[in-house]
Amino acid sequence: MIPFENTLPYDEQMGDLYAQQCPYCHQKHVLLSIRPDELPDIHDGKKRLLVFPCCNSSITIVDADSDYLLANKKLPRIP
């Protein structure tokens, strides 16, 4: 079972991935440093470091699907 507290929802817009809100500093509509063409590699087991440009916090992405990125640790919940 996938631990929901380790997931980050994202949206794809115009070829870029966006988080609705940063889990660390709570800035809205954050551009992620992952390209949509990297998602299949991540889903197949390649890990990817994700650094949020708004606050320089980082997580390691270990899996991805069409709606969520799965991190290796628990993420702070968005209030």
PDB file of N, CA and C in Angstrom:
ATOM      1  N   MET A   1       0.841  -1.184   0.000  1.00  0.00           N
ATOM      2  CA  MET A   1       0.000   0.000   0.000  1.00  0.00           C
ATOM      3  C   MET A   1       0.889   1.251   0.000  1.00  0.00           C
ATOM      4  N   ILE A   2       0.526   2.223  -0.807  1.00  0.00           N
ATOM      5  CA  ILE A   2       1.303   3.448  -0.927  1.00  0.00           C
ATOM      6  C   ILE A   2       0.998   4.364   0.258  1.00  0.00           C
ATOM      7  N   PRO A   3       2.029   4.845   0.961  1.00  0.00           N
ATOM      8  CA  PRO A   3       1.782   5.765   2.078  1.00  0.00           C
ATOM      9  C   PRO A   3       1.387   7.144   1.550  1.00  0.00           C
ATOM     10  N   PHE A   4       0.126   7.525   1.777  1.00  0.00           N
ATOM     11  CA  PHE A   4      -0.387   8.778   1.236  1.00  0.00           C
ATOM     12  C   PHE A   4       0.363   9.991   1.779  1.00  0.00           C
ATOM     13  N   GLU A   5       0.898   9.895   2.998  1.00  0.00           N
ATOM     14  CA  GLU A   5       1.621  11.036   3.573  1.00  0.00           C
ATOM     15  C   GLU A   5       2.942  11.308   2.860  1.00  0.00           C
ATOM     16  N   ASN A   6       3.358  10.417   1.955  1.00  0.00           N
ATOM     17  CA  ASN A   6       4.592  10.614   1.181  1.00  0.00           C
ATOM     18  C   ASN A   6       4.311  11.115  -0.231  1.00  0.00           C
ATOM     19  N   THR A   7       3.080  11.435  -0.541  1.00  0.00           N
ATOM     20  CA  THR A   7       2.732  11.821  -1.906  1.00  0.00           C
ATOM     21  C   THR A   7       2.600  13.329  -2.073  1.00  0.00           C
ATOM     22  N   LEU A   8       2.873  13.760  -3.284  1.00  0.00           N
ATOM     23  CA  LEU A   8       2.746  15.169  -3.660  1.00  0.00           C
ATOM     24  C   LEU A   8       1.934  15.233  -4.950  1.00  0.00           C
ATOM     25  N   PRO A   9       0.728  15.824  -4.912  1.00  0.00           N
ATOM     26  CA  PRO A   9      -0.049  15.948  -6.147  1.00  0.00           C
ATOM     27  C   PRO A   9       0.578  16.986  -7.076  1.00  0.00           C
ATOM     28  N   TYR A  10       0.451  16.738  -8.374  1.00  0.00           N
ATOM     29  CA  TYR A  10       0.994  17.680  -9.351  1.00  0.00           C
ATOM     30  C   TYR A  10       0.042  17.806 -10.523  1.00  0.00           C
ATOM     31  N   ASP A  11       0.224  18.868 -11.290  1.00  0.00           N
ATOM     32  CA  ASP A  11      -0.540  19.117 -12.510  1.00  0.00           C
ATOM     33  C   ASP A  11       0.442  19.361 -13.641  1.00  0.00           C
ATOM     34  N   GLU A  12       0.051  18.940 -14.845  1.00  0.00           N
ATOM     35  CA  GLU A  12       0.859  19.236 -16.028  1.00  0.00           C
ATOM     36  C   GLU A  12       0.169  20.333 -16.822  1.00  0.00           C
ATOM     37  N   GLN A  13       0.918  21.411 -17.106  1.00  0.00           N
ATOM     38  CA  GLN A  13       0.382  22.524 -17.875  1.00  0.00           C
ATOM     39  C   GLN A  13       1.431  22.978 -18.874  1.00  0.00           C
ATOM     40  N   MET A  14       1.074  22.968 -20.126  1.00  0.00           N
ATOM     41  CA  MET A  14       1.942  23.469 -21.198  1.00  0.00           C
ATOM     42  C   MET A  14       3.334  22.826 -21.160  1.00  0.00           C
ATOM     43  N   GLY A  15       3.399  21.539 -20.852  1.00  0.00           N
ATOM     44  CA  GLY A  15       4.668  20.832 -20.863  1.00  0.00           C
ATOM     45  C   GLY A  15       5.511  20.985 -19.612  1.00  0.00           C
ATOM     46  N   ASP A  16       4.974  21.585 -18.562  1.00  0.00           N
ATOM     47  CA  ASP A  16       5.673  21.739 -17.285  1.00  0.00           C
ATOM     48  C   ASP A  16       4.849  21.089 -16.185  1.00  0.00           C
ATOM     49  N   LEU A  17       5.525  20.705 -15.104  1.00  0.00           N
ATOM     50  CA  LEU A  17       4.839  20.136 -13.952  1.00  0.00           C
ATOM     51  C   LEU A  17       4.800  21.169 -12.831  1.00  0.00           C
ATOM     52  N   TYR A  18       3.642  21.283 -12.194  1.00  0.00           N
ATOM     53  CA  TYR A  18       3.436  22.239 -11.119  1.00  0.00           C
ATOM     54  C   TYR A  18       2.844  21.539  -9.903  1.00  0.00           C
ATOM     55  N   ALA A  19       3.313  21.904  -8.728  1.00  0.00           N
ATOM     56  CA  ALA A  19       2.664  21.496  -7.492  1.00  0.00           C
ATOM     57  C   ALA A  19       1.660  22.577  -7.143  1.00  0.00           C
ATOM     58  N   GLN A  20       0.523  22.176  -6.628  1.00  0.00           N
ATOM     59  CA  GLN A  20      -0.492  23.168  -6.256  1.00  0.00           C
ATOM     60  C   GLN A  20       0.013  24.070  -5.148  1.00  0.00           C
ATOM     61  N   GLN A  21       0.813  23.491  -4.234  1.00  0.00           N
ATOM     62  CA  GLN A  21       1.364  24.270  -3.128  1.00  0.00           C
ATOM     63  C   GLN A  21       2.603  23.550  -2.606  1.00  0.00           C
ATOM     64  N   CYS A  22       3.622  24.308  -2.236  1.00  0.00           N
ATOM     65  CA  CYS A  22       4.833  23.728  -1.658  1.00  0.00           C
ATOM     66  C   CYS A  22       4.504  23.196  -0.265  1.00  0.00           C
ATOM     67  N   PRO A  23       4.874  21.952   0.044  1.00  0.00           N
ATOM     68  CA  PRO A  23       4.568  21.409   1.366  1.00  0.00           C
ATOM     69  C   PRO A  23       5.408  22.030   2.489  1.00  0.00           C
ATOM     70  N   TYR A  24       6.472  22.719   2.146  1.00  0.00           N
ATOM     71  CA  TYR A  24       7.364  23.293   3.157  1.00  0.00           C
ATOM     72  C   TYR A  24       7.083  24.770   3.436  1.00  0.00           C
ATOM     73  N   CYS A  25       7.032  25.608   2.399  1.00  0.00           N
ATOM     74  CA  CYS A  25       6.823  27.047   2.628  1.00  0.00           C
ATOM     75  C   CYS A  25       5.419  27.506   2.246  1.00  0.00           C
ATOM     76  N   HIS A  26       4.611  26.620   1.656  1.00  0.00           N
ATOM     77  CA  HIS A  26       3.209  26.856   1.310  1.00  0.00           C
ATOM     78  C   HIS A  26       3.000  27.873   0.198  1.00  0.00           C
ATOM     79  N   GLN A  27       4.030  28.128  -0.615  1.00  0.00           N
ATOM     80  CA  GLN A  27       3.833  28.985  -1.784  1.00  0.00           C
ATOM     81  C   GLN A  27       2.945  28.246  -2.776  1.00  0.00           C
ATOM     82  N   LYS A  28       2.072  28.963  -3.437  1.00  0.00           N
ATOM     83  CA  LYS A  28       1.125  28.348  -4.364  1.00  0.00           C
ATOM     84  C   LYS A  28       1.698  28.280  -5.776  1.00  0.00           C
ATOM     85  N   HIS A  29       1.243  27.262  -6.516  1.00  0.00           N
ATOM     86  CA  HIS A  29       1.555  27.059  -7.936  1.00  0.00           C
ATOM     87  C   HIS A  29       3.071  27.080  -8.183  1.00  0.00           C
ATOM     88  N   VAL A  30       3.758  26.058  -7.698  1.00  0.00           N
ATOM     89  CA  VAL A  30       5.216  25.976  -7.755  1.00  0.00           C
ATOM     90  C   VAL A  30       5.646  25.142  -8.958  1.00  0.00           C
ATOM     91  N   LEU A  31       6.481  25.720  -9.810  1.00  0.00           N
ATOM     92  CA  LEU A  31       7.037  25.006 -10.951  1.00  0.00           C
ATOM     93  C   LEU A  31       8.044  23.979 -10.445  1.00  0.00           C
ATOM     94  N   LEU A  32       7.863  22.708 -10.837  1.00  0.00           N
ATOM     95  CA  LEU A  32       8.758  21.646 -10.402  1.00  0.00           C
ATOM     96  C   LEU A  32       9.867  21.438 -11.415  1.00  0.00           C
ATOM     97  N   SER A  33      11.014  20.985 -10.933  1.00  0.00           N
ATOM     98  CA  SER A  33      12.181  20.802 -11.802  1.00  0.00           C
ATOM     99  C   SER A  33      12.220  19.414 -12.433  1.00  0.00           C
ATOM    100  N   ILE A  34      11.061  18.831 -12.653  1.00  0.00           N
ATOM    101  CA  ILE A  34      10.941  17.536 -13.326  1.00  0.00           C
ATOM    102  C   ILE A  34      10.154  17.752 -14.609  1.00  0.00           C
ATOM    103  N   ARG A  35      10.656  17.198 -15.702  1.00  0.00           N
ATOM    104  CA  ARG A  35       9.956  17.295 -16.977  1.00  0.00           C
ATOM    105  C   ARG A  35       8.987  16.115 -17.130  1.00  0.00           C
ATOM    106  N   PRO A  36       7.902  16.302 -17.832  1.00  0.00           N
ATOM    107  CA  PRO A  36       6.944  15.199 -18.016  1.00  0.00           C
ATOM    108  C   PRO A  36       7.563  13.958 -18.664  1.00  0.00           C
ATOM    109  N   ASP A  37       8.565  14.125 -19.520  1.00  0.00           N
ATOM    110  CA  ASP A  37       9.171  12.950 -20.153  1.00  0.00           C
ATOM    111  C   ASP A  37      10.064  12.152 -19.203  1.00  0.00           C
ATOM    112  N   GLU A  38      10.340  12.663 -17.994  1.00  0.00           N
ATOM    113  CA  GLU A  38      11.095  11.926 -16.983  1.00  0.00           C
ATOM    114  C   GLU A  38      10.205  11.006 -16.146  1.00  0.00           C
ATOM    115  N   LEU A  39       8.906  11.216 -16.165  1.00  0.00           N
ATOM    116  CA  LEU A  39       7.990  10.452 -15.327  1.00  0.00           C
ATOM    117  C   LEU A  39       8.024   8.944 -15.597  1.00  0.00           C
ATOM    118  N   PRO A  40       8.083   8.486 -16.854  1.00  0.00           N
ATOM    119  CA  PRO A  40       8.177   7.031 -17.069  1.00  0.00           C
ATOM    120  C   PRO A  40       9.444   6.416 -16.469  1.00  0.00           C
ATOM    121  N   ASP A  41      10.573   7.116 -16.550  1.00  0.00           N
ATOM    122  CA  ASP A  41      11.810   6.613 -15.947  1.00  0.00           C
ATOM    123  C   ASP A  41      11.679   6.519 -14.428  1.00  0.00           C
ATOM    124  N   ILE A  42      11.057   7.527 -13.813  1.00  0.00           N
ATOM    125  CA  ILE A  42      10.851   7.516 -12.367  1.00  0.00           C
ATOM    126  C   ILE A  42       9.920   6.373 -11.988  1.00  0.00           C
ATOM    127  N   HIS A  43       8.876   6.163 -12.778  1.00  0.00           N
ATOM    128  CA  HIS A  43       7.937   5.072 -12.509  1.00  0.00           C
ATOM    129  C   HIS A  43       8.617   3.698 -12.623  1.00  0.00           C
ATOM    130  N   ASP A  44       9.609   3.607 -13.501  1.00  0.00           N
ATOM    131  CA  ASP A  44      10.335   2.347 -13.688  1.00  0.00           C
ATOM    132  C   ASP A  44      11.429   2.124 -12.656  1.00  0.00           C
ATOM    133  N   GLY A  45      11.608   3.042 -11.697  1.00  0.00           N
ATOM    134  CA  GLY A  45      12.537   2.807 -10.604  1.00  0.00           C
ATOM    135  C   GLY A  45      13.690   3.780 -10.476  1.00  0.00           C
ATOM    136  N   LYS A  46      13.833   4.719 -11.391  1.00  0.00           N
ATOM    137  CA  LYS A  46      14.908   5.701 -11.292  1.00  0.00           C
ATOM    138  C   LYS A  46      14.527   6.760 -10.261  1.00  0.00           C
ATOM    139  N   LYS A  47      15.387   7.010  -9.296  1.00  0.00           N
ATOM    140  CA  LYS A  47      15.122   8.032  -8.283  1.00  0.00           C
ATOM    141  C   LYS A  47      15.513   9.399  -8.830  1.00  0.00           C
ATOM    142  N   ARG A  48      14.823  10.437  -8.336  1.00  0.00           N
ATOM    143  CA  ARG A  48      15.071  11.797  -8.828  1.00  0.00           C
ATOM    144  C   ARG A  48      15.004  12.777  -7.664  1.00  0.00           C
ATOM    145  N   LEU A  49      16.041  13.586  -7.506  1.00  0.00           N
ATOM    146  CA  LEU A  49      16.056  14.630  -6.487  1.00  0.00           C
ATOM    147  C   LEU A  49      15.207  15.802  -6.984  1.00  0.00           C
ATOM    148  N   LEU A  50      14.278  16.241  -6.146  1.00  0.00           N
ATOM    149  CA  LEU A  50      13.426  17.377  -6.463  1.00  0.00           C
ATOM    150  C   LEU A  50      13.704  18.478  -5.458  1.00  0.00           C
ATOM    151  N   VAL A  51      14.172  19.628  -5.955  1.00  0.00           N
ATOM    152  CA  VAL A  51      14.431  20.794  -5.108  1.00  0.00           C
ATOM    153  C   VAL A  51      13.361  21.827  -5.426  1.00  0.00           C
ATOM    154  N   PHE A  52      12.646  22.249  -4.397  1.00  0.00           N
ATOM    155  CA  PHE A  52      11.615  23.256  -4.589  1.00  0.00           C
ATOM    156  C   PHE A  52      12.289  24.619  -4.761  1.00  0.00           C
ATOM    157  N   PRO A  53      12.026  25.331  -5.865  1.00  0.00           N
ATOM    158  CA  PRO A  53      12.712  26.609  -6.126  1.00  0.00           C
ATOM    159  C   PRO A  53      12.300  27.727  -5.170  1.00  0.00           C
ATOM    160  N   CYS A  54      11.177  27.575  -4.515  1.00  0.00           N
ATOM    161  CA  CYS A  54      10.676  28.631  -3.630  1.00  0.00           C
ATOM    162  C   CYS A  54      11.419  28.685  -2.300  1.00  0.00           C
ATOM    163  N   CYS A  55      11.847  27.529  -1.771  1.00  0.00           N
ATOM    164  CA  CYS A  55      12.461  27.516  -0.438  1.00  0.00           C
ATOM    165  C   CYS A  55      13.708  26.631  -0.367  1.00  0.00           C
ATOM    166  N   ASN A  56      14.102  26.034  -1.482  1.00  0.00           N
ATOM    167  CA  ASN A  56      15.276  25.163  -1.588  1.00  0.00           C
ATOM    168  C   ASN A  56      15.194  23.908  -0.734  1.00  0.00           C
ATOM    169  N   SER A  57      14.012  23.523  -0.282  1.00  0.00           N
ATOM    170  CA  SER A  57      13.828  22.237   0.382  1.00  0.00           C
ATOM    171  C   SER A  57      13.901  21.151  -0.684  1.00  0.00           C
ATOM    172  N   SER A  58      14.319  19.961  -0.281  1.00  0.00           N
ATOM    173  CA  SER A  58      14.459  18.907  -1.279  1.00  0.00           C
ATOM    174  C   SER A  58      13.869  17.598  -0.776  1.00  0.00           C
ATOM    175  N   ILE A  59      13.414  16.788  -1.735  1.00  0.00           N
ATOM    176  CA  ILE A  59      12.928  15.440  -1.474  1.00  0.00           C
ATOM    177  C   ILE A  59      13.430  14.546  -2.602  1.00  0.00           C
ATOM    178  N   THR A  60      13.461  13.267  -2.354  1.00  0.00           N
ATOM    179  CA  THR A  60      13.809  12.308  -3.389  1.00  0.00           C
ATOM    180  C   THR A  60      12.533  11.641  -3.861  1.00  0.00           C
ATOM    181  N   ILE A  61      12.276  11.709  -5.160  1.00  0.00           N
ATOM    182  CA  ILE A  61      11.100  11.099  -5.758  1.00  0.00           C
ATOM    183  C   ILE A  61      11.459   9.667  -6.140  1.00  0.00           C
ATOM    184  N   VAL A  62      10.675   8.700  -5.642  1.00  0.00           N
ATOM    185  CA  VAL A  62      10.963   7.290  -5.894  1.00  0.00           C
ATOM    186  C   VAL A  62       9.958   6.627  -6.824  1.00  0.00           C
ATOM    187  N   ASP A  63       8.808   7.274  -7.067  1.00  0.00           N
ATOM    188  CA  ASP A  63       7.815   6.722  -7.984  1.00  0.00           C
ATOM    189  C   ASP A  63       6.897   7.858  -8.421  1.00  0.00           C
ATOM    190  N   ALA A  64       6.203   7.631  -9.522  1.00  0.00           N
ATOM    191  CA  ALA A  64       5.277   8.640 -10.047  1.00  0.00           C
ATOM    192  C   ALA A  64       4.159   7.947 -10.801  1.00  0.00           C
ATOM    193  N   ASP A  65       2.987   8.556 -10.767  1.00  0.00           N
ATOM    194  CA  ASP A  65       1.899   8.130 -11.630  1.00  0.00           C
ATOM    195  C   ASP A  65       1.330   9.373 -12.302  1.00  0.00           C
ATOM    196  N   SER A  66       0.137   9.280 -12.828  1.00  0.00           N
ATOM    197  CA  SER A  66      -0.398  10.413 -13.596  1.00  0.00           C
ATOM    198  C   SER A  66      -0.911  11.559 -12.727  1.00  0.00           C
ATOM    199  N   ASP A  67      -0.960  11.367 -11.400  1.00  0.00           N
ATOM    200  CA  ASP A  67      -1.472  12.414 -10.518  1.00  0.00           C
ATOM    201  C   ASP A  67      -0.554  12.778  -9.364  1.00  0.00           C
ATOM    202  N   TYR A  68       0.283  11.830  -8.928  1.00  0.00           N
ATOM    203  CA  TYR A  68       1.075  12.014  -7.716  1.00  0.00           C
ATOM    204  C   TYR A  68       2.536  11.644  -7.922  1.00  0.00           C
ATOM    205  N   LEU A  69       3.402  12.346  -7.177  1.00  0.00           N
ATOM    206  CA  LEU A  69       4.800  11.967  -7.041  1.00  0.00           C
ATOM    207  C   LEU A  69       4.952  11.345  -5.661  1.00  0.00           C
ATOM    208  N   LEU A  70       5.699  10.245  -5.566  1.00  0.00           N
ATOM    209  CA  LEU A  70       5.905   9.554  -4.301  1.00  0.00           C
ATOM    210  C   LEU A  70       7.308   9.859  -3.803  1.00  0.00           C
ATOM    211  N   ALA A  71       7.406  10.426  -2.596  1.00  0.00           N
ATOM    212  CA  ALA A  71       8.690  10.800  -1.996  1.00  0.00           C
ATOM    213  C   ALA A  71       9.167   9.675  -1.078  1.00  0.00           C
ATOM    214  N   ASN A  72      10.439   9.730  -0.732  1.00  0.00           N
ATOM    215  CA  ASN A  72      11.026   8.715   0.141  1.00  0.00           C
ATOM    216  C   ASN A  72      10.780   9.000   1.615  1.00  0.00           C
ATOM    217  N   LYS A  73      10.166  10.131   1.931  1.00  0.00           N
ATOM    218  CA  LYS A  73       9.896  10.485   3.326  1.00  0.00           C
ATOM    219  C   LYS A  73       8.541  11.170   3.424  1.00  0.00           C
ATOM    220  N   LYS A  74       8.067  11.258   4.651  1.00  0.00           N
ATOM    221  CA  LYS A  74       6.792  11.913   4.911  1.00  0.00           C
ATOM    222  C   LYS A  74       6.903  13.405   4.633  1.00  0.00           C
ATOM    223  N   LEU A  75       5.917  13.947   3.924  1.00  0.00           N
ATOM    224  CA  LEU A  75       5.892  15.374   3.600  1.00  0.00           C
ATOM    225  C   LEU A  75       4.979  16.102   4.567  1.00  0.00           C
ATOM    226  N   PRO A  76       5.314  17.350   4.894  1.00  0.00           N
ATOM    227  CA  PRO A  76       4.414  18.135   5.740  1.00  0.00           C
ATOM    228  C   PRO A  76       3.077  18.304   5.010  1.00  0.00           C
ATOM    229  N   ARG A  77       2.003  18.218   5.732  1.00  0.00           N
ATOM    230  CA  ARG A  77       0.668  18.381   5.145  1.00  0.00           C
ATOM    231  C   ARG A  77       0.364  19.853   4.960  1.00  0.00           C
ATOM    232  N   ILE A  78      -0.305  20.137   3.880  1.00  0.00           N
ATOM    233  CA  ILE A  78      -0.698  21.505   3.551  1.00  0.00           C
ATOM    234  C   ILE A  78      -1.939  21.852   4.371  1.00  0.00           C
ATOM    235  N   PRO A  79      -1.902  22.949   5.106  1.00  0.00           N
ATOM    236  CA  PRO A  79      -3.051  23.295   5.953  1.00  0.00           C
ATOM    237  C   PRO A  79      -4.274  23.693   5.144  1.00  0.00           C
TER     238      PRO A  79
END
